[in-house]
């Protein structure tokens, strides 16, 4: 692979990953907070039913 192309692709992919990192982090942090549980857990029977709207 040409050296300039390699440098461009590595910077481009790094920029994409750095831009997506905060989005992925916020999704994994905010989802359990809005559901009041982790997505894989069953809801508690005594908890009130809330919609995400």
N, C-alpha and C. Protein backbone atom coordinates (compact mmCIF):
# COMPACT_ATOMS: atom_id res chain seq x y z
N UNK A 1 0.85 -1.17 0.00
CA UNK A 1 0.00 0.00 0.00
C UNK A 1 0.89 1.24 0.00
N UNK A 2 0.48 2.23 -0.72
CA UNK A 2 1.23 3.47 -0.81
C UNK A 2 1.28 4.13 0.57
N UNK A 3 2.40 4.74 0.88
CA UNK A 3 2.60 5.32 2.21
C UNK A 3 1.60 6.45 2.50
N UNK A 4 1.33 7.29 1.50
CA UNK A 4 0.38 8.38 1.71
C UNK A 4 -1.04 7.86 1.93
N UNK A 5 -1.41 6.82 1.18
CA UNK A 5 -2.74 6.22 1.35
C UNK A 5 -2.87 5.59 2.72
N UNK A 6 -1.83 4.92 3.16
CA UNK A 6 -1.83 4.29 4.49
C UNK A 6 -1.98 5.34 5.58
N UNK A 7 -1.26 6.45 5.45
CA UNK A 7 -1.36 7.51 6.45
C UNK A 7 -2.75 8.13 6.44
N UNK A 8 -3.32 8.37 5.25
CA UNK A 8 -4.66 8.94 5.16
C UNK A 8 -5.69 8.01 5.78
N UNK A 9 -5.64 6.73 5.45
CA UNK A 9 -6.63 5.78 5.98
C UNK A 9 -6.52 5.63 7.49
N UNK A 10 -5.30 5.62 8.00
CA UNK A 10 -5.15 5.48 9.45
C UNK A 10 -5.68 6.71 10.18
N UNK A 11 -5.46 7.90 9.64
CA UNK A 11 -6.01 9.11 10.26
C UNK A 11 -7.53 9.17 10.10
N UNK A 12 -8.04 8.77 8.94
CA UNK A 12 -9.47 8.79 8.69
C UNK A 12 -10.19 7.84 9.63
N UNK A 13 -9.70 6.62 9.76
CA UNK A 13 -10.32 5.64 10.65
C UNK A 13 -10.20 6.08 12.10
N UNK A 14 -9.08 6.65 12.47
CA UNK A 14 -8.92 7.17 13.83
C UNK A 14 -9.89 8.29 14.13
N UNK A 15 -10.13 9.17 13.16
CA UNK A 15 -11.08 10.26 13.34
C UNK A 15 -12.50 9.72 13.50
N UNK A 16 -12.86 8.73 12.69
CA UNK A 16 -14.19 8.13 12.78
C UNK A 16 -14.37 7.47 14.15
N UNK A 17 -13.38 6.73 14.61
CA UNK A 17 -13.49 6.07 15.91
C UNK A 17 -13.56 7.06 17.06
N UNK A 18 -12.79 8.13 16.97
CA UNK A 18 -12.84 9.15 18.03
C UNK A 18 -14.17 9.89 18.03
N UNK A 19 -14.79 10.03 16.87
CA UNK A 19 -16.10 10.68 16.82
C UNK A 19 -17.20 9.76 17.34
N UNK A 20 -17.07 8.47 17.14
CA UNK A 20 -18.08 7.53 17.59
C UNK A 20 -17.94 7.15 19.06
N UNK A 21 -16.78 7.32 19.63
CA UNK A 21 -16.56 6.92 21.02
C UNK A 21 -17.51 7.62 22.00
N UNK A 22 -17.69 8.94 21.94
CA UNK A 22 -18.64 9.57 22.87
C UNK A 22 -20.09 9.14 22.64
N UNK A 23 -20.45 8.88 21.39
CA UNK A 23 -21.82 8.45 21.09
C UNK A 23 -22.08 7.08 21.71
N UNK A 24 -21.15 6.16 21.55
CA UNK A 24 -21.31 4.82 22.11
C UNK A 24 -21.30 4.89 23.64
N UNK A 25 -20.44 5.70 24.19
CA UNK A 25 -20.38 5.84 25.65
C UNK A 25 -21.69 6.37 26.21
N UNK A 26 -22.23 7.41 25.59
CA UNK A 26 -23.49 7.99 26.08
C UNK A 26 -24.65 7.01 25.93
N UNK A 27 -24.64 6.21 24.87
CA UNK A 27 -25.71 5.23 24.69
C UNK A 27 -25.67 4.19 25.80
N UNK A 28 -24.49 3.69 26.14
CA UNK A 28 -24.39 2.67 27.17
C UNK A 28 -24.58 3.23 28.57
N UNK A 29 -24.34 4.52 28.76
CA UNK A 29 -24.54 5.12 30.08
C UNK A 29 -25.99 5.54 30.26
N UNK A 30 -26.59 6.14 29.24
CA UNK A 30 -27.93 6.69 29.40
C UNK A 30 -29.03 5.64 29.32
N UNK A 31 -28.82 4.54 28.62
CA UNK A 31 -29.88 3.52 28.50
C UNK A 31 -30.26 2.93 29.86
N UNK A 32 -29.32 2.47 30.69
CA UNK A 32 -29.72 1.96 32.00
C UNK A 32 -30.35 3.02 32.90
N UNK A 33 -29.94 4.27 32.75
CA UNK A 33 -30.53 5.33 33.57
C UNK A 33 -31.97 5.59 33.18
N UNK A 34 -32.28 5.56 31.89
CA UNK A 34 -33.65 5.84 31.46
C UNK A 34 -34.56 4.64 31.71
N UNK A 35 -34.02 3.43 31.71
CA UNK A 35 -34.83 2.24 31.97
C UNK A 35 -34.92 1.90 33.46
N UNK A 36 -34.06 2.50 34.26
CA UNK A 36 -33.92 2.17 35.68
C UNK A 36 -33.47 0.73 35.90
N UNK A 37 -32.83 0.17 34.92
CA UNK A 37 -32.26 -1.18 35.00
C UNK A 37 -31.34 -1.36 33.80
N UNK A 38 -30.58 -2.42 33.79
CA UNK A 38 -29.76 -2.73 32.63
C UNK A 38 -30.63 -3.40 31.58
N UNK A 39 -30.33 -3.24 30.29
CA UNK A 39 -31.20 -3.77 29.24
C UNK A 39 -31.40 -5.28 29.30
N UNK A 40 -30.47 -6.05 29.83
CA UNK A 40 -30.62 -7.50 29.88
C UNK A 40 -31.40 -8.00 31.08
N UNK A 41 -31.62 -7.15 32.06
CA UNK A 41 -32.32 -7.57 33.27
C UNK A 41 -33.83 -7.52 33.07
N UNK A 42 -34.52 -8.38 33.78
CA UNK A 42 -35.99 -8.34 33.75
C UNK A 42 -36.48 -7.19 34.61
N UNK A 43 -37.57 -6.56 34.22
CA UNK A 43 -38.09 -5.48 35.05
C UNK A 43 -38.62 -6.00 36.38
N UNK A 44 -38.51 -5.19 37.41
CA UNK A 44 -39.00 -5.57 38.72
C UNK A 44 -40.52 -5.54 38.72
N UNK A 45 -41.13 -6.44 39.46
CA UNK A 45 -42.59 -6.52 39.47
C UNK A 45 -43.23 -5.35 40.21
N UNK A 46 -42.52 -4.80 41.21
CA UNK A 46 -43.11 -3.72 41.99
C UNK A 46 -42.79 -2.34 41.41
N UNK A 47 -42.01 -2.30 40.36
CA UNK A 47 -41.63 -1.01 39.76
C UNK A 47 -42.78 -0.50 38.88
N UNK A 48 -43.01 0.81 38.89
CA UNK A 48 -44.07 1.34 38.03
C UNK A 48 -43.67 1.22 36.55
N UNK A 49 -44.62 1.03 35.70
CA UNK A 49 -44.37 0.88 34.28
C UNK A 49 -44.21 2.28 33.67
N UNK A 50 -43.07 2.49 33.05
CA UNK A 50 -42.78 3.78 32.41
C UNK A 50 -42.47 3.55 30.96
N UNK A 51 -42.89 4.47 30.13
CA UNK A 51 -42.55 4.41 28.72
C UNK A 51 -41.40 5.35 28.47
N UNK A 52 -40.67 5.11 27.40
CA UNK A 52 -39.51 5.93 27.09
C UNK A 52 -39.89 7.17 26.27
N UNK A 53 -41.17 7.45 26.14
CA UNK A 53 -41.59 8.62 25.37
C UNK A 53 -41.69 9.83 26.25
